[in-house]
Amino acid sequence: PYKYQMDQKWDIILNEMLPRFIASESEIDFHLAIKELSAKLNDTHTSF
């Protein structure tokens, strides 16, 4: 419900994070990409 309040537009975040998911070199790199993505919601309820 609060997508409109994010610091970045969600469209821009998709373009920014796609290369991270494509080029993940290890499992921890992949998991950290998800955590970075979840942090971009600017929501204290978010947790990964």
ModelCIF file with pLDDT and N, C-alpha, C, O atoms, coordinates in Angstrom:
data_MODEL
#
_entry.id   MODEL 
#
_entity.id                         1 
_entity.type                       polymer 
_entity.pdbx_number_of_molecules   1 
#
_entity_poly.entity_id                      1 
_entity_poly.type                           'polypeptide(L)' 
_entity_poly.nstd_linkage                   no 
_entity_poly.nstd_monomer                   no 
_entity_poly.pdbx_seq_one_letter_code       PYKYQMDQKWDIILNEMLPRFIASESEIDFHLAIKELSAKLNDTHTSF 
_entity_poly.pdbx_seq_one_letter_code_can   PYKYQMDQKWDIILNEMLPRFIASESEIDFHLAIKELSAKLNDTHTSF 
_entity_poly.pdbx_strand_id                 A 
#
loop_
_entity_poly_seq.entity_id 
_entity_poly_seq.num 
_entity_poly_seq.mon_id 
_entity_poly_seq.hetero 
1 1  PRO n 
1 2  TYR n 
1 3  LYS n 
1 4  TYR n 
1 5  GLN n 
1 6  MET n 
1 7  ASP n 
1 8  GLN n 
1 9  LYS n 
1 10 TRP n 
1 11 ASP n 
1 12 ILE n 
1 13 ILE n 
1 14 LEU n 
1 15 ASN n 
1 16 GLU n 
1 17 MET n 
1 18 LEU n 
1 19 PRO n 
1 20 ARG n 
1 21 PHE n 
1 22 ILE n 
1 23 ALA n 
1 24 SER n 
1 25 GLU n 
1 26 SER n 
1 27 GLU n 
1 28 ILE n 
1 29 ASP n 
1 30 PHE n 
1 31 HIS n 
1 32 LEU n 
1 33 ALA n 
1 34 ILE n 
1 35 LYS n 
1 36 GLU n 
1 37 LEU n 
1 38 SER n 
1 39 ALA n 
1 40 LYS n 
1 41 LEU n 
1 42 ASN n 
1 43 ASP n 
1 44 THR n 
1 45 HIS n 
1 46 THR n 
1 47 SER n 
1 48 PHE n 
#
_struct_asym.id          A 
_struct_asym.entity_id   1 
#
loop_
_ma_qa_metric.id 
_ma_qa_metric.mode 
_ma_qa_metric.name 
_ma_qa_metric.software_group_id 
_ma_qa_metric.type 
1 global pLDDT . pLDDT 
2 local  pLDDT . pLDDT 
#
_ma_qa_metric_global.metric_id      1 
_ma_qa_metric_global.metric_value   97.46 
_ma_qa_metric_global.model_id       1 
_ma_qa_metric_global.ordinal_id     1 
#
loop_
_ma_qa_metric_local.label_asym_id 
_ma_qa_metric_local.label_comp_id 
_ma_qa_metric_local.label_seq_id 
_ma_qa_metric_local.metric_id 
_ma_qa_metric_local.metric_value 
_ma_qa_metric_local.model_id 
_ma_qa_metric_local.ordinal_id 
A PRO 1  2 97.00 1 1  
A TYR 2  2 97.00 1 2  
A LYS 3  2 98.00 1 3  
A TYR 4  2 98.00 1 4  
A GLN 5  2 97.00 1 5  
A MET 6  2 98.00 1 6  
A ASP 7  2 98.00 1 7  
A GLN 8  2 98.00 1 8  
A LYS 9  2 98.00 1 9  
A TRP 10 2 98.00 1 10 
A ASP 11 2 97.00 1 11 
A ILE 12 2 98.00 1 12 
A ILE 13 2 98.00 1 13 
A LEU 14 2 98.00 1 14 
A ASN 15 2 97.00 1 15 
A GLU 16 2 98.00 1 16 
A MET 17 2 98.00 1 17 
A LEU 18 2 98.00 1 18 
A PRO 19 2 97.00 1 19 
A ARG 20 2 97.00 1 20 
A PHE 21 2 98.00 1 21 
A ILE 22 2 97.00 1 22 
A ALA 23 2 96.00 1 23 
A SER 24 2 97.00 1 24 
A GLU 25 2 95.00 1 25 
A SER 26 2 96.00 1 26 
A GLU 27 2 97.00 1 27 
A ILE 28 2 97.00 1 28 
A ASP 29 2 97.00 1 29 
A PHE 30 2 98.00 1 30 
A HIS 31 2 98.00 1 31 
A LEU 32 2 97.00 1 32 
A ALA 33 2 98.00 1 33 
A ILE 34 2 98.00 1 34 
A LYS 35 2 98.00 1 35 
A GLU 36 2 98.00 1 36 
A LEU 37 2 98.00 1 37 
A SER 38 2 98.00 1 38 
A ALA 39 2 98.00 1 39 
A LYS 40 2 98.00 1 40 
A LEU 41 2 98.00 1 41 
A ASN 42 2 98.00 1 42 
A ASP 43 2 98.00 1 43 
A THR 44 2 98.00 1 44 
A HIS 45 2 97.00 1 45 
A THR 46 2 97.00 1 46 
A SER 47 2 95.00 1 47 
A PHE 48 2 97.00 1 48 
#
loop_
_atom_site.group_PDB 
_atom_site.id 
_atom_site.type_symbol 
_atom_site.label_atom_id 
_atom_site.label_alt_id 
_atom_site.label_comp_id 
_atom_site.label_asym_id 
_atom_site.label_entity_id 
_atom_site.label_seq_id 
_atom_site.pdbx_PDB_ins_code 
_atom_site.Cartn_x 
_atom_site.Cartn_y 
_atom_site.Cartn_z 
_atom_site.occupancy 
_atom_site.B_iso_or_equiv 
_atom_site.pdbx_formal_charge 
_atom_site.auth_seq_id 
_atom_site.auth_comp_id 
_atom_site.auth_asym_id 
_atom_site.auth_atom_id 
_atom_site.pdbx_PDB_model_num 
ATOM 1   N N  . PRO A 1 1  ? 0.788  -1.242  0.000   1.00 97.00 ? 1  PRO A N  1 
ATOM 2   C CA . PRO A 1 1  ? 0.000  0.000   0.000   1.00 97.00 ? 1  PRO A CA 1 
ATOM 3   C C  . PRO A 1 1  ? 0.815  1.284   0.000   1.00 97.00 ? 1  PRO A C  1 
ATOM 4   O O  . PRO A 1 1  ? 0.290  2.353   -0.310  1.00 97.00 ? 1  PRO A O  1 
ATOM 5   N N  . TYR A 1 2  ? 2.097  1.187   0.346   1.00 97.00 ? 2  TYR A N  1 
ATOM 6   C CA . TYR A 1 2  ? 2.898  2.404   0.464   1.00 97.00 ? 2  TYR A CA 1 
ATOM 7   C C  . TYR A 1 2  ? 3.963  2.510   -0.633  1.00 97.00 ? 2  TYR A C  1 
ATOM 8   O O  . TYR A 1 2  ? 4.976  3.187   -0.457  1.00 97.00 ? 2  TYR A O  1 
ATOM 9   N N  . LYS A 1 3  ? 3.732  1.850   -1.745  1.00 98.00 ? 3  LYS A N  1 
ATOM 10  C CA . LYS A 1 3  ? 4.689  1.899   -2.862  1.00 98.00 ? 3  LYS A CA 1 
ATOM 11  C C  . LYS A 1 3  ? 4.967  3.341   -3.280  1.00 98.00 ? 3  LYS A C  1 
ATOM 12  O O  . LYS A 1 3  ? 6.096  3.687   -3.626  1.00 98.00 ? 3  LYS A O  1 
ATOM 13  N N  . TYR A 1 4  ? 3.949  4.161   -3.248  1.00 98.00 ? 4  TYR A N  1 
ATOM 14  C CA . TYR A 1 4  ? 4.078  5.549   -3.715  1.00 98.00 ? 4  TYR A CA 1 
ATOM 15  C C  . TYR A 1 4  ? 4.967  6.396   -2.812  1.00 98.00 ? 4  TYR A C  1 
ATOM 16  O O  . TYR A 1 4  ? 5.349  7.505   -3.185  1.00 98.00 ? 4  TYR A O  1 
ATOM 17  N N  . GLN A 1 5  ? 5.303  5.882   -1.622  1.00 97.00 ? 5  GLN A N  1 
ATOM 18  C CA . GLN A 1 5  ? 6.120  6.657   -0.689  1.00 97.00 ? 5  GLN A CA 1 
ATOM 19  C C  . GLN A 1 5  ? 7.600  6.268   -0.702  1.00 97.00 ? 5  GLN A C  1 
ATOM 20  O O  . GLN A 1 5  ? 8.395  6.838   0.046   1.00 97.00 ? 5  GLN A O  1 
ATOM 21  N N  . MET A 1 6  ? 7.970  5.315   -1.533  1.00 98.00 ? 6  MET A N  1 
ATOM 22  C CA . MET A 1 6  ? 9.369  4.871   -1.560  1.00 98.00 ? 6  MET A CA 1 
ATOM 23  C C  . MET A 1 6  ? 10.299 5.998   -2.013  1.00 98.00 ? 6  MET A C  1 
ATOM 24  O O  . MET A 1 6  ? 9.886  6.905   -2.736  1.00 98.00 ? 6  MET A O  1 
ATOM 25  N N  . ASP A 1 7  ? 11.564 5.928   -1.576  1.00 98.00 ? 7  ASP A N  1 
ATOM 26  C CA . ASP A 1 7  ? 12.553 6.905   -2.018  1.00 98.00 ? 7  ASP A CA 1 
ATOM 27  C C  . ASP A 1 7  ? 12.773 6.829   -3.523  1.00 98.00 ? 7  ASP A C  1 
ATOM 28  O O  . ASP A 1 7  ? 12.907 7.852   -4.194  1.00 98.00 ? 7  ASP A O  1 
ATOM 29  N N  . GLN A 1 8  ? 12.808 5.599   -4.050  1.00 98.00 ? 8  GLN A N  1 
ATOM 30  C CA . GLN A 1 8  ? 12.986 5.391   -5.487  1.00 98.00 ? 8  GLN A CA 1 
ATOM 31  C C  . GLN A 1 8  ? 11.696 4.856   -6.090  1.00 98.00 ? 8  GLN A C  1 
ATOM 32  O O  . GLN A 1 8  ? 10.901 4.205   -5.412  1.00 98.00 ? 8  GLN A O  1 
ATOM 33  N N  . LYS A 1 9  ? 11.501 5.136   -7.362  1.00 98.00 ? 9  LYS A N  1 
ATOM 34  C CA . LYS A 1 9  ? 10.357 4.552   -8.064  1.00 98.00 ? 9  LYS A CA 1 
ATOM 35  C C  . LYS A 1 9  ? 10.602 3.058   -8.234  1.00 98.00 ? 9  LYS A C  1 
ATOM 36  O O  . LYS A 1 9  ? 11.722 2.629   -8.510  1.00 98.00 ? 9  LYS A O  1 
ATOM 37  N N  . TRP A 1 10 ? 9.546  2.275   -8.067  1.00 98.00 ? 10 TRP A N  1 
ATOM 38  C CA . TRP A 1 10 ? 9.665  0.823   -8.110  1.00 98.00 ? 10 TRP A CA 1 
ATOM 39  C C  . TRP A 1 10 ? 10.116 0.344   -9.496  1.00 98.00 ? 10 TRP A C  1 
ATOM 40  O O  . TRP A 1 10 ? 10.807 -0.670  -9.602  1.00 98.00 ? 10 TRP A O  1 
ATOM 41  N N  . ASP A 1 11 ? 9.732  1.060   -10.554 1.00 97.00 ? 11 ASP A N  1 
ATOM 42  C CA . ASP A 1 11 ? 10.190 0.738   -11.916 1.00 97.00 ? 11 ASP A CA 1 
ATOM 43  C C  . ASP A 1 11 ? 11.709 0.847   -12.014 1.00 97.00 ? 11 ASP A C  1 
ATOM 44  O O  . ASP A 1 11 ? 12.374 -0.025  -12.574 1.00 97.00 ? 11 ASP A O  1 
ATOM 45  N N  . ILE A 1 12 ? 12.239 1.922   -11.467 1.00 98.00 ? 12 ILE A N  1 
ATOM 46  C CA . ILE A 1 12 ? 13.688 2.165   -11.529 1.00 98.00 ? 12 ILE A CA 1 
ATOM 47  C C  . ILE A 1 12 ? 14.428 1.091   -10.735 1.00 98.00 ? 12 ILE A C  1 
ATOM 48  O O  . ILE A 1 12 ? 15.492 0.626   -11.143 1.00 98.00 ? 12 ILE A O  1 
ATOM 49  N N  . ILE A 1 13 ? 13.860 0.708   -9.613  1.00 98.00 ? 13 ILE A N  1 
ATOM 50  C CA . ILE A 1 13 ? 14.471 -0.325  -8.776  1.00 98.00 ? 13 ILE A CA 1 
ATOM 51  C C  . ILE A 1 13 ? 14.568 -1.648  -9.535  1.00 98.00 ? 13 ILE A C  1 
ATOM 52  O O  . ILE A 1 13 ? 15.569 -2.355  -9.418  1.00 98.00 ? 13 ILE A O  1 
ATOM 53  N N  . LEU A 1 14 ? 13.537 -1.986  -10.311 1.00 98.00 ? 14 LEU A N  1 
ATOM 54  C CA . LEU A 1 14 ? 13.559 -3.222  -11.099 1.00 98.00 ? 14 LEU A CA 1 
ATOM 55  C C  . LEU A 1 14 ? 14.736 -3.214  -12.068 1.00 98.00 ? 14 LEU A C  1 
ATOM 56  O O  . LEU A 1 14 ? 15.478 -4.192  -12.155 1.00 98.00 ? 14 LEU A O  1 
ATOM 57  N N  . ASN A 1 15 ? 14.906 -2.122  -12.789 1.00 97.00 ? 15 ASN A N  1 
ATOM 58  C CA . ASN A 1 15 ? 16.013 -2.015  -13.735 1.00 97.00 ? 15 ASN A CA 1 
ATOM 59  C C  . ASN A 1 15 ? 17.369 -2.042  -13.045 1.00 97.00 ? 15 ASN A C  1 
ATOM 60  O O  . ASN A 1 15 ? 18.341 -2.572  -13.583 1.00 97.00 ? 15 ASN A O  1 
ATOM 61  N N  . GLU A 1 16 ? 17.424 -1.471  -11.858 1.00 98.00 ? 16 GLU A N  1 
ATOM 62  C CA . GLU A 1 16 ? 18.670 -1.418  -11.097 1.00 98.00 ? 16 GLU A CA 1 
ATOM 63  C C  . GLU A 1 16 ? 19.066 -2.782  -10.544 1.00 98.00 ? 16 GLU A C  1 
ATOM 64  O O  . GLU A 1 16 ? 20.246 -3.131  -10.523 1.00 98.00 ? 16 GLU A O  1 
ATOM 65  N N  . MET A 1 17 ? 18.070 -3.557  -10.093 1.00 98.00 ? 17 MET A N  1 
ATOM 66  C CA . MET A 1 17 ? 18.359 -4.812  -9.409  1.00 98.00 ? 17 MET A CA 1 
ATOM 67  C C  . MET A 1 17 ? 18.472 -6.006  -10.351 1.00 98.00 ? 17 MET A C  1 
ATOM 68  O O  . MET A 1 17 ? 19.079 -7.015  -9.993  1.00 98.00 ? 17 MET A O  1 
ATOM 69  N N  . LEU A 1 18 ? 17.903 -5.910  -11.538 1.00 98.00 ? 18 LEU A N  1 
ATOM 70  C CA . LEU A 1 18 ? 17.950 -7.051  -12.472 1.00 98.00 ? 18 LEU A CA 1 
ATOM 71  C C  . LEU A 1 18 ? 19.372 -7.569  -12.707 1.00 98.00 ? 18 LEU A C  1 
ATOM 72  O O  . LEU A 1 18 ? 19.593 -8.777  -12.617 1.00 98.00 ? 18 LEU A O  1 
ATOM 73  N N  . PRO A 1 19 ? 20.339 -6.700  -13.004 1.00 97.00 ? 19 PRO A N  1 
ATOM 74  C CA . PRO A 1 19 ? 21.699 -7.214  -13.223 1.00 97.00 ? 19 PRO A CA 1 
ATOM 75  C C  . PRO A 1 19 ? 22.255 -7.939  -12.002 1.00 97.00 ? 19 PRO A C  1 
ATOM 76  O O  . PRO A 1 19 ? 23.030 -8.886  -12.142 1.00 97.00 ? 19 PRO A O  1 
ATOM 77  N N  . ARG A 1 20 ? 21.864 -7.500  -10.800 1.00 97.00 ? 20 ARG A N  1 
ATOM 78  C CA . ARG A 1 20 ? 22.324 -8.178  -9.575  1.00 97.00 ? 20 ARG A CA 1 
ATOM 79  C C  . ARG A 1 20 ? 21.802 -9.611  -9.527  1.00 97.00 ? 20 ARG A C  1 
ATOM 80  O O  . ARG A 1 20 ? 22.533 -10.522 -9.139  1.00 97.00 ? 20 ARG A O  1 
ATOM 81  N N  . PHE A 1 21 ? 20.562 -9.815  -9.911  1.00 98.00 ? 21 PHE A N  1 
ATOM 82  C CA . PHE A 1 21 ? 19.973 -11.155 -9.878  1.00 98.00 ? 21 PHE A CA 1 
ATOM 83  C C  . PHE A 1 21 ? 20.534 -12.028 -11.006 1.00 98.00 ? 21 PHE A C  1 
ATOM 84  O O  . PHE A 1 21 ? 20.738 -13.228 -10.823 1.00 98.00 ? 21 PHE A O  1 
ATOM 85  N N  . ILE A 1 22 ? 20.779 -11.427 -12.160 1.00 97.00 ? 22 ILE A N  1 
ATOM 86  C CA . ILE A 1 22 ? 21.308 -12.191 -13.288 1.00 97.00 ? 22 ILE A CA 1 
ATOM 87  C C  . ILE A 1 22 ? 22.740 -12.639 -13.007 1.00 97.00 ? 22 ILE A C  1 
ATOM 88  O O  . ILE A 1 22 ? 23.117 -13.772 -13.309 1.00 97.00 ? 22 ILE A O  1 
ATOM 89  N N  . ALA A 1 23 ? 23.534 -11.740 -12.425 1.00 96.00 ? 23 ALA A N  1 
ATOM 90  C CA . ALA A 1 23 ? 24.974 -11.998 -12.278 1.00 96.00 ? 23 ALA A CA 1 
ATOM 91  C C  . ALA A 1 23 ? 25.378 -12.528 -10.908 1.00 96.00 ? 23 ALA A C  1 
ATOM 92  O O  . ALA A 1 23 ? 26.564 -12.522 -10.580 1.00 96.00 ? 23 ALA A O  1 
ATOM 93  N N  . SER A 1 24 ? 24.426 -12.987 -10.100 1.00 97.00 ? 24 SER A N  1 
ATOM 94  C CA . SER A 1 24 ? 24.772 -13.514 -8.772  1.00 97.00 ? 24 SER A CA 1 
ATOM 95  C C  . SER A 1 24 ? 25.833 -14.609 -8.900  1.00 97.00 ? 24 SER A C  1 
ATOM 96  O O  . SER A 1 24 ? 25.647 -15.579 -9.635  1.00 97.00 ? 24 SER A O  1 
ATOM 97  N N  . GLU A 1 25 ? 26.940 -14.445 -8.184  1.00 95.00 ? 25 GLU A N  1 
ATOM 98  C CA . GLU A 1 25 ? 28.064 -15.376 -8.309  1.00 95.00 ? 25 GLU A CA 1 
ATOM 99  C C  . GLU A 1 25 ? 28.059 -16.460 -7.244  1.00 95.00 ? 25 GLU A C  1 
ATOM 100 O O  . GLU A 1 25 ? 28.795 -17.441 -7.347  1.00 95.00 ? 25 GLU A O  1 
ATOM 101 N N  . SER A 1 26 ? 27.230 -16.284 -6.221  1.00 96.00 ? 26 SER A N  1 
ATOM 102 C CA . SER A 1 26 ? 27.169 -17.266 -5.139  1.00 96.00 ? 26 SER A CA 1 
ATOM 103 C C  . SER A 1 26 ? 25.793 -17.187 -4.489  1.00 96.00 ? 26 SER A C  1 
ATOM 104 O O  . SER A 1 26 ? 25.025 -16.260 -4.745  1.00 96.00 ? 26 SER A O  1 
ATOM 105 N N  . GLU A 1 27 ? 25.497 -18.158 -3.658  1.00 97.00 ? 27 GLU A N  1 
ATOM 106 C CA . GLU A 1 27 ? 24.202 -18.170 -2.983  1.00 97.00 ? 27 GLU A CA 1 
ATOM 107 C C  . GLU A 1 27 ? 24.054 -16.965 -2.062  1.00 97.00 ? 27 GLU A C  1 
ATOM 108 O O  . GLU A 1 27 ? 22.990 -16.350 -2.004  1.00 97.00 ? 27 GLU A O  1 
ATOM 109 N N  . ILE A 1 28 ? 25.128 -16.627 -1.341  1.00 97.00 ? 28 ILE A N  1 
ATOM 110 C CA . ILE A 1 28 ? 25.044 -15.479 -0.430  1.00 97.00 ? 28 ILE A CA 1 
ATOM 111 C C  . ILE A 1 28 ? 24.874 -14.186 -1.229  1.00 97.00 ? 28 ILE A C  1 
ATOM 112 O O  . ILE A 1 28 ? 24.179 -13.273 -0.783  1.00 97.00 ? 28 ILE A O  1 
ATOM 113 N N  . ASP A 1 29 ? 25.499 -14.098 -2.403  1.00 97.00 ? 29 ASP A N  1 
ATOM 114 C CA . ASP A 1 29 ? 25.333 -12.922 -3.261  1.00 97.00 ? 29 ASP A CA 1 
ATOM 115 C C  . ASP A 1 29 ? 23.882 -12.778 -3.689  1.00 97.00 ? 29 ASP A C  1 
ATOM 116 O O  . ASP A 1 29 ? 23.341 -11.673 -3.713  1.00 97.00 ? 29 ASP A O  1 
ATOM 117 N N  . PHE A 1 30 ? 23.252 -13.900 -4.027  1.00 98.00 ? 30 PHE A N  1 
ATOM 118 C CA . PHE A 1 30 ? 21.840 -13.911 -4.405  1.00 98.00 ? 30 PHE A CA 1 
ATOM 119 C C  . PHE A 1 30 ? 20.957 -13.477 -3.245  1.00 98.00 ? 30 PHE A C  1 
ATOM 120 O O  . PHE A 1 30 ? 20.041 -12.675 -3.429  1.00 98.00 ? 30 PHE A O  1 
ATOM 121 N N  . HIS A 1 31 ? 21.224 -14.003 -2.046  1.00 98.00 ? 31 HIS A N  1 
ATOM 122 C CA . HIS A 1 31 ? 20.422 -13.654 -0.872  1.00 98.00 ? 31 HIS A CA 1 
ATOM 123 C C  . HIS A 1 31 ? 20.592 -12.180 -0.508  1.00 98.00 ? 31 HIS A C  1 
ATOM 124 O O  . HIS A 1 31 ? 19.632 -11.517 -0.116  1.00 98.00 ? 31 HIS A O  1 
ATOM 125 N N  . LEU A 1 32 ? 21.806 -11.678 -0.639  1.00 97.00 ? 32 LEU A N  1 
ATOM 126 C CA . LEU A 1 32 ? 22.040 -10.260 -0.333  1.00 97.00 ? 32 LEU A CA 1 
ATOM 127 C C  . LEU A 1 32 ? 21.327 -9.358  -1.339  1.00 97.00 ? 32 LEU A C  1 
ATOM 128 O O  . LEU A 1 32 ? 20.900 -8.255  -0.996  1.00 97.00 ? 32 LEU A O  1 
ATOM 129 N N  . ALA A 1 33 ? 21.199 -9.825  -2.575  1.00 98.00 ? 33 ALA A N  1 
ATOM 130 C CA . ALA A 1 33 ? 20.446 -9.049  -3.579  1.00 98.00 ? 33 ALA A CA 1 
ATOM 131 C C  . ALA A 1 33 ? 18.982 -8.938  -3.167  1.00 98.00 ? 33 ALA A C  1 
ATOM 132 O O  . ALA A 1 33 ? 18.370 -7.881  -3.323  1.00 98.00 ? 33 ALA A O  1 
ATOM 133 N N  . ILE A 1 34 ? 18.417 -10.030 -2.639  1.00 98.00 ? 34 ILE A N  1 
ATOM 134 C CA . ILE A 1 34 ? 17.022 -9.988  -2.173  1.00 98.00 ? 34 ILE A CA 1 
ATOM 135 C C  . ILE A 1 34 ? 16.896 -9.046  -0.981  1.00 98.00 ? 34 ILE A C  1 
ATOM 136 O O  . ILE A 1 34 ? 15.940 -8.276  -0.889  1.00 98.00 ? 34 ILE A O  1 
ATOM 137 N N  . LYS A 1 35 ? 17.869 -9.111  -0.066  1.00 98.00 ? 35 LYS A N  1 
ATOM 138 C CA . LYS A 1 35 ? 17.794 -8.233  1.118   1.00 98.00 ? 35 LYS A CA 1 
ATOM 139 C C  . LYS A 1 35 ? 17.904 -6.767  0.719   1.00 98.00 ? 35 LYS A C  1 
ATOM 140 O O  . LYS A 1 35 ? 17.197 -5.917  1.260   1.00 98.00 ? 35 LYS A O  1 
ATOM 141 N N  . GLU A 1 36 ? 18.782 -6.475  -0.218  1.00 98.00 ? 36 GLU A N  1 
ATOM 142 C CA . GLU A 1 36 ? 18.907 -5.093  -0.701  1.00 98.00 ? 36 GLU A CA 1 
ATOM 143 C C  . GLU A 1 36 ? 17.608 -4.637  -1.365  1.00 98.00 ? 36 GLU A C  1 
ATOM 144 O O  . GLU A 1 36 ? 17.178 -3.496  -1.194  1.00 98.00 ? 36 GLU A O  1 
ATOM 145 N N  . LEU A 1 37 ? 16.993 -5.541  -2.122  1.00 98.00 ? 37 LEU A N  1 
ATOM 146 C CA . LEU A 1 37 ? 15.718 -5.227  -2.776  1.00 98.00 ? 37 LEU A CA 1 
ATOM 147 C C  . LEU A 1 37 ? 14.637 -4.945  -1.741  1.00 98.00 ? 37 LEU A C  1 
ATOM 148 O O  . LEU A 1 37 ? 13.878 -3.987  -1.888  1.00 98.00 ? 37 LEU A O  1 
ATOM 149 N N  . SER A 1 38 ? 14.556 -5.767  -0.695  1.00 98.00 ? 38 SER A N  1 
ATOM 150 C CA . SER A 1 38 ? 13.520 -5.582  0.326   1.00 98.00 ? 38 SER A CA 1 
ATOM 151 C C  . SER A 1 38 ? 13.728 -4.284  1.096   1.00 98.00 ? 38 SER A C  1 
ATOM 152 O O  . SER A 1 38 ? 12.764 -3.645  1.517   1.00 98.00 ? 38 SER A O  1 
ATOM 153 N N  . ALA A 1 39 ? 14.997 -3.895  1.281   1.00 98.00 ? 39 ALA A N  1 
ATOM 154 C CA . ALA A 1 39 ? 15.275 -2.646  1.999   1.00 98.00 ? 39 ALA A CA 1 
ATOM 155 C C  . ALA A 1 39 ? 14.773 -1.429  1.233   1.00 98.00 ? 39 ALA A C  1 
ATOM 156 O O  . ALA A 1 39 ? 14.501 -0.386  1.829   1.00 98.00 ? 39 ALA A O  1 
ATOM 157 N N  . LYS A 1 40 ? 14.651 -1.558  -0.082  1.00 98.00 ? 40 LYS A N  1 
ATOM 158 C CA . LYS A 1 40 ? 14.226 -0.429  -0.908  1.00 98.00 ? 40 LYS A CA 1 
ATOM 159 C C  . LYS A 1 40 ? 12.738 -0.112  -0.757  1.00 98.00 ? 40 LYS A C  1 
ATOM 160 O O  . LYS A 1 40 ? 12.263 0.888   -1.295  1.00 98.00 ? 40 LYS A O  1 
ATOM 161 N N  . LEU A 1 41 ? 11.997 -0.954  -0.029  1.00 98.00 ? 41 LEU A N  1 
ATOM 162 C CA . LEU A 1 41 ? 10.588 -0.654  0.228   1.00 98.00 ? 41 LEU A CA 1 
ATOM 163 C C  . LEU A 1 41 ? 10.435 0.474   1.240   1.00 98.00 ? 41 LEU A C  1 
ATOM 164 O O  . LEU A 1 41 ? 9.357  1.056   1.362   1.00 98.00 ? 41 LEU A O  1 
ATOM 165 N N  . ASN A 1 42 ? 11.521 0.791   1.978   1.00 98.00 ? 42 ASN A N  1 
ATOM 166 C CA . ASN A 1 42 ? 11.443 1.821   3.031   1.00 98.00 ? 42 ASN A CA 1 
ATOM 167 C C  . ASN A 1 42 ? 10.301 1.515   3.998   1.00 98.00 ? 42 ASN A C  1 
ATOM 168 O O  . ASN A 1 42 ? 9.479  2.377   4.308   1.00 98.00 ? 42 ASN A O  1 
ATOM 169 N N  . ASP A 1 43 ? 10.271 0.272   4.464   1.00 98.00 ? 43 ASP A N  1 
ATOM 170 C CA . ASP A 1 43 ? 9.187  -0.196  5.334   1.00 98.00 ? 43 ASP A CA 1 
ATOM 171 C C  . ASP A 1 43 ? 9.801  -0.996  6.485   1.00 98.00 ? 43 ASP A C  1 
ATOM 172 O O  . ASP A 1 43 ? 10.429 -2.030  6.258   1.00 98.00 ? 43 ASP A O  1 
ATOM 173 N N  . THR A 1 44 ? 9.620  -0.522  7.712   1.00 98.00 ? 44 THR A N  1 
ATOM 174 C CA . THR A 1 44 ? 10.227 -1.201  8.863   1.00 98.00 ? 44 THR A CA 1 
ATOM 175 C C  . THR A 1 44 ? 9.639  -2.588  9.076   1.00 98.00 ? 44 THR A C  1 
ATOM 176 O O  . THR A 1 44 ? 10.261 -3.424  9.732   1.00 98.00 ? 44 THR A O  1 
ATOM 177 N N  . HIS A 1 45 ? 8.453  -2.850  8.535   1.00 97.00 ? 45 HIS A N  1 
ATOM 178 C CA . HIS A 1 45 ? 7.889  -4.194  8.604   1.00 97.00 ? 45 HIS A CA 1 
ATOM 179 C C  . HIS A 1 45 ? 8.639  -5.179  7.715   1.00 97.00 ? 45 HIS A C  1 
ATOM 180 O O  . HIS A 1 45 ? 8.591  -6.389  7.937   1.00 97.00 ? 45 HIS A O  1 
ATOM 181 N N  . THR A 1 46 ? 9.331  -4.653  6.710   1.00 97.00 ? 46 THR A N  1 
ATOM 182 C CA . THR A 1 46 ? 10.012 -5.529  5.767   1.00 97.00 ? 46 THR A CA 1 
ATOM 183 C C  . THR A 1 46 ? 11.162 -6.239  6.457   1.00 97.00 ? 46 THR A C  1 
ATOM 184 O O  . THR A 1 46 ? 11.918 -5.638  7.219   1.00 97.00 ? 46 THR A O  1 
ATOM 185 N N  . SER A 1 47 ? 11.277 -7.521  6.177   1.00 95.00 ? 47 SER A N  1 
ATOM 186 C CA . SER A 1 47 ? 12.348 -8.300  6.793   1.00 95.00 ? 47 SER A CA 1 
ATOM 187 C C  . SER A 1 47 ? 12.695 -9.465  5.889   1.00 95.00 ? 47 SER A C  1 
ATOM 188 O O  . SER A 1 47 ? 11.814 -10.206 5.454   1.00 95.00 ? 47 SER A O  1 
ATOM 189 N N  . PHE A 1 48 ? 13.971 -9.626  5.607   1.00 97.00 ? 48 PHE A N  1 
ATOM 190 C CA . PHE A 1 48 ? 14.434 -10.797 4.861   1.00 97.00 ? 48 PHE A CA 1 
ATOM 191 C C  . PHE A 1 48 ? 15.746 -11.268 5.462   1.00 97.00 ? 48 PHE A C  1 
ATOM 192 O O  . PHE A 1 48 ? 16.324 -12.248 4.991   1.00 97.00 ? 48 PHE A O  1 
#
